[in-house]
Amino acid sequence: MIPYQYVTLRVVPRVEREEFVNVGVVLFADEVGFLDAAFEVDEDRLGALFPALDLGAVEASLAVVCDVCRGVTGRGRPELPTAGKRFGWLAAPRSTVVQPGPRHGGLAADPAVALEKLLDRLVRRAPIR
């Protein structure tokens, strides 16, 4: 089994209210050099809860997260040489509309499969298996 760490990505439209909706997951498995993110934006749900939210800006922020996972730099993206440093940057607390939740860990045979299962459980609200 491969150990991993992950953070849930949250949309927090008004940080002072601390209300959020989960929209994605970033998973890092150092042992195999795996760092990836997956997200799914439920526009109807976010629009109903936060009508003034700029969904385009949310999706752009999530695309930057995916770029950082892949090591894409420039245009405001950090130049971090290792997957571990990129995960640390992505998992760092911040006061923006898209925020990481606390770090959690787990074990999986395949980190990519674990990422998809976490997206199902934490974002898509699938039943826990």
C-alpha atoms as a PDB file:
ATOM      1  CA  MET A   1       0.000   0.000   0.000  1.00  0.00           C
ATOM      2  CA  ILE A   2       1.149   3.517  -0.788  1.00  0.00           C
ATOM      3  CA  PRO A   3       0.787   6.271   1.841  1.00  0.00           C
ATOM      4  CA  TYR A   4      -0.693   9.580   0.671  1.00  0.00           C
ATOM      5  CA  GLN A   5      -1.813  12.963   1.938  1.00  0.00           C
ATOM      6  CA  TYR A   6      -4.701  14.990   0.607  1.00  0.00           C
ATOM      7  CA  VAL A   7      -6.571  18.239   1.060  1.00  0.00           C
ATOM      8  CA  THR A   8     -10.126  19.022   0.061  1.00  0.00           C
ATOM      9  CA  LEU A   9     -10.538  22.180  -2.015  1.00  0.00           C
ATOM     10  CA  ARG A  10     -13.335  24.435  -0.824  1.00  0.00           C
ATOM     11  CA  VAL A  11     -15.123  27.410  -2.284  1.00  0.00           C
ATOM     12  CA  VAL A  12     -15.469  30.004   0.486  1.00  0.00           C
ATOM     13  CA  PRO A  13     -17.254  33.011  -1.068  1.00  0.00           C
ATOM     14  CA  ARG A  14     -17.237  35.106   2.124  1.00  0.00           C
ATOM     15  CA  VAL A  15     -14.299  34.119   4.278  1.00  0.00           C
ATOM     16  CA  GLU A  16     -15.671  35.988   7.298  1.00  0.00           C
ATOM     17  CA  ARG A  17     -18.724  33.670   7.369  1.00  0.00           C
ATOM     18  CA  GLU A  18     -16.628  30.485   7.085  1.00  0.00           C
ATOM     19  CA  GLU A  19     -19.282  28.801   4.919  1.00  0.00           C
ATOM     20  CA  PHE A  20     -17.977  26.573   2.142  1.00  0.00           C
ATOM     21  CA  VAL A  21     -18.774  23.978  -0.498  1.00  0.00           C
ATOM     22  CA  ASN A  22     -16.262  21.244  -1.373  1.00  0.00           C
ATOM     23  CA  VAL A  23     -15.280  21.340  -5.045  1.00  0.00           C
ATOM     24  CA  GLY A  24     -12.090  19.298  -5.368  1.00  0.00           C
ATOM     25  CA  VAL A  25      -9.267  17.242  -3.922  1.00  0.00           C
ATOM     26  CA  VAL A  26      -5.466  17.421  -4.187  1.00  0.00           C
ATOM     27  CA  LEU A  27      -3.656  14.152  -3.478  1.00  0.00           C
ATOM     28  CA  PHE A  28       0.086  13.665  -2.960  1.00  0.00           C
ATOM     29  CA  ALA A  29       1.876  10.302  -2.651  1.00  0.00           C
ATOM     30  CA  ASP A  30       5.552  11.045  -2.082  1.00  0.00           C
ATOM     31  CA  GLU A  31       6.668   7.415  -2.335  1.00  0.00           C
ATOM     32  CA  VAL A  32       5.684   7.260  -6.022  1.00  0.00           C
ATOM     33  CA  GLY A  33       5.978  10.976  -6.917  1.00  0.00           C
ATOM     34  CA  PHE A  34       2.239  11.351  -7.498  1.00  0.00           C
ATOM     35  CA  LEU A  35       0.620  14.793  -7.239  1.00  0.00           C
ATOM     36  CA  ASP A  36      -2.708  15.478  -8.894  1.00  0.00           C
ATOM     37  CA  ALA A  37      -5.971  17.317  -8.386  1.00  0.00           C
ATOM     38  CA  ALA A  38      -9.512  16.615  -9.457  1.00  0.00           C
ATOM     39  CA  PHE A  39     -12.491  18.896  -9.152  1.00  0.00           C
ATOM     40  CA  GLU A  40     -16.141  19.145 -10.022  1.00  0.00           C
ATOM     41  CA  VAL A  41     -18.009  22.424  -9.740  1.00  0.00           C
ATOM     42  CA  ASP A  42     -21.735  22.051  -9.115  1.00  0.00           C
ATOM     43  CA  GLU A  43     -22.787  25.371 -10.644  1.00  0.00           C
ATOM     44  CA  ASP A  44     -26.449  24.981  -9.636  1.00  0.00           C
ATOM     45  CA  ARG A  45     -25.562  24.330  -5.987  1.00  0.00           C
ATOM     46  CA  LEU A  46     -23.026  27.158  -5.766  1.00  0.00           C
ATOM     47  CA  GLY A  47     -25.369  29.528  -7.605  1.00  0.00           C
ATOM     48  CA  ALA A  48     -28.220  28.726  -5.239  1.00  0.00           C
ATOM     49  CA  LEU A  49     -26.081  29.221  -2.137  1.00  0.00           C
ATOM     50  CA  PHE A  50     -23.973  32.144  -3.353  1.00  0.00           C
ATOM     51  CA  PRO A  51     -25.738  33.904  -6.288  1.00  0.00           C
ATOM     52  CA  ALA A  52     -23.102  36.640  -6.679  1.00  0.00           C
ATOM     53  CA  LEU A  53     -20.200  34.172  -6.916  1.00  0.00           C
ATOM     54  CA  ASP A  54     -18.048  34.461 -10.052  1.00  0.00           C
ATOM     55  CA  LEU A  55     -18.020  30.824 -11.183  1.00  0.00           C
ATOM     56  CA  GLY A  56     -15.543  31.617 -13.960  1.00  0.00           C
ATOM     57  CA  ALA A  57     -13.038  32.859 -11.379  1.00  0.00           C
ATOM     58  CA  VAL A  58     -13.560  29.706  -9.296  1.00  0.00           C
ATOM     59  CA  GLU A  59     -12.893  27.460 -12.283  1.00  0.00           C
ATOM     60  CA  ALA A  60      -9.832  29.535 -13.235  1.00  0.00           C
ATOM     61  CA  SER A  61      -8.446  29.122  -9.695  1.00  0.00           C
ATOM     62  CA  LEU A  62      -9.018  25.371  -9.852  1.00  0.00           C
ATOM     63  CA  ALA A  63      -7.224  25.229 -13.220  1.00  0.00           C
ATOM     64  CA  VAL A  64      -4.218  26.941 -11.583  1.00  0.00           C
ATOM     65  CA  VAL A  65      -4.236  24.239  -8.892  1.00  0.00           C
ATOM     66  CA  CYS A  66      -4.057  21.579 -11.623  1.00  0.00           C
ATOM     67  CA  ASP A  67      -1.231  23.495 -13.331  1.00  0.00           C
ATOM     68  CA  VAL A  68       0.751  23.645 -10.087  1.00  0.00           C
ATOM     69  CA  CYS A  69       0.296  19.890  -9.635  1.00  0.00           C
ATOM     70  CA  ARG A  70       1.819  19.357 -13.099  1.00  0.00           C
ATOM     71  CA  GLY A  71       4.670  21.791 -12.418  1.00  0.00           C
ATOM     72  CA  VAL A  72       3.484  24.491 -14.830  1.00  0.00           C
ATOM     73  CA  THR A  73       5.095  27.823 -13.899  1.00  0.00           C
ATOM     74  CA  GLY A  74       4.743  31.462 -14.937  1.00  0.00           C
ATOM     75  CA  ARG A  75       1.743  33.785 -14.884  1.00  0.00           C
ATOM     76  CA  GLY A  76       1.691  33.865 -11.076  1.00  0.00           C
ATOM     77  CA  ARG A  77       2.310  30.154 -10.617  1.00  0.00           C
ATOM     78  CA  PRO A  78       5.176  29.337  -8.231  1.00  0.00           C
ATOM     79  CA  GLU A  79       8.414  27.746  -9.385  1.00  0.00           C
ATOM     80  CA  LEU A  80       8.622  24.801  -7.004  1.00  0.00           C
ATOM     81  CA  PRO A  81      10.976  22.013  -8.111  1.00  0.00           C
ATOM     82  CA  THR A  82       9.431  18.998  -6.385  1.00  0.00           C
ATOM     83  CA  ALA A  83       5.965  17.532  -6.057  1.00  0.00           C
ATOM     84  CA  GLY A  84       6.329  17.718  -2.269  1.00  0.00           C
ATOM     85  CA  LYS A  85       7.029  21.456  -2.320  1.00  0.00           C
ATOM     86  CA  ARG A  86       4.137  22.022  -4.757  1.00  0.00           C
ATOM     87  CA  PHE A  87       1.781  20.070  -2.478  1.00  0.00           C
ATOM     88  CA  GLY A  88       2.988  22.097   0.510  1.00  0.00           C
ATOM     89  CA  TRP A  89       2.227  25.322  -1.371  1.00  0.00           C
ATOM     90  CA  LEU A  90      -1.229  24.057  -2.423  1.00  0.00           C
ATOM     91  CA  ALA A  91      -2.072  22.820   1.088  1.00  0.00           C
ATOM     92  CA  ALA A  92      -1.006  26.034   2.855  1.00  0.00           C
ATOM     93  CA  PRO A  93      -3.896  27.913   4.493  1.00  0.00           C
ATOM     94  CA  ARG A  94      -5.062  31.026   2.668  1.00  0.00           C
ATOM     95  CA  SER A  95      -7.881  33.553   2.724  1.00  0.00           C
ATOM     96  CA  THR A  96      -9.086  33.286  -0.853  1.00  0.00           C
ATOM     97  CA  VAL A  97     -12.312  32.068  -2.422  1.00  0.00           C
ATOM     98  CA  VAL A  98     -10.749  28.662  -3.203  1.00  0.00           C
ATOM     99  CA  GLN A  99      -9.076  27.288  -0.073  1.00  0.00           C
ATOM    100  CA  PRO A 100      -7.576  23.973   0.993  1.00  0.00           C
ATOM    101  CA  GLY A 101      -9.049  22.222   3.980  1.00  0.00           C
ATOM    102  CA  PRO A 102      -6.906  20.436   6.572  1.00  0.00           C
ATOM    103  CA  ARG A 103      -4.425  17.739   5.529  1.00  0.00           C
ATOM    104  CA  HIS A 104      -5.484  14.137   5.892  1.00  0.00           C
ATOM    105  CA  GLY A 105      -3.732  10.885   5.084  1.00  0.00           C
ATOM    106  CA  GLY A 106      -4.467   7.415   3.863  1.00  0.00           C
ATOM    107  CA  LEU A 107      -3.155   4.318   2.139  1.00  0.00           C
ATOM    108  CA  ALA A 108      -3.983   3.113  -1.352  1.00  0.00           C
ATOM    109  CA  ALA A 109      -2.787   0.614  -3.914  1.00  0.00           C
ATOM    110  CA  ASP A 110      -3.209   3.271  -6.615  1.00  0.00           C
ATOM    111  CA  PRO A 111      -3.162   7.016  -5.767  1.00  0.00           C
ATOM    112  CA  ALA A 112      -5.104   7.929  -8.918  1.00  0.00           C
ATOM    113  CA  VAL A 113      -7.939   5.604  -7.901  1.00  0.00           C
ATOM    114  CA  ALA A 114      -7.818   7.017  -4.357  1.00  0.00           C
ATOM    115  CA  LEU A 115      -8.135  10.547  -5.779  1.00  0.00           C
ATOM    116  CA  GLU A 116     -11.250   9.586  -7.725  1.00  0.00           C
ATOM    117  CA  LYS A 117     -12.787   7.860  -4.686  1.00  0.00           C
ATOM    118  CA  LEU A 118     -12.120  10.918  -2.518  1.00  0.00           C
ATOM    119  CA  LEU A 119     -13.715  13.163  -5.161  1.00  0.00           C
ATOM    120  CA  ASP A 120     -16.788  10.911  -5.106  1.00  0.00           C
ATOM    121  CA  ARG A 121     -17.030  10.876  -1.320  1.00  0.00           C
ATOM    122  CA  LEU A 122     -16.116  14.473  -0.515  1.00  0.00           C
ATOM    123  CA  VAL A 123     -17.357  16.455  -3.512  1.00  0.00           C
ATOM    124  CA  ARG A 124     -19.947  14.447  -5.404  1.00  0.00           C
ATOM    125  CA  ARG A 125     -21.458  13.314  -2.097  1.00  0.00           C
ATOM    126  CA  ALA A 126     -21.566   9.652  -3.088  1.00  0.00           C
ATOM    127  CA  PRO A 127     -22.353   7.214  -0.273  1.00  0.00           C
ATOM    128  CA  ILE A 128     -19.403   6.025   1.799  1.00  0.00           C
ATOM    129  CA  ARG A 129     -18.354   2.501   0.828  1.00  0.00           C
END
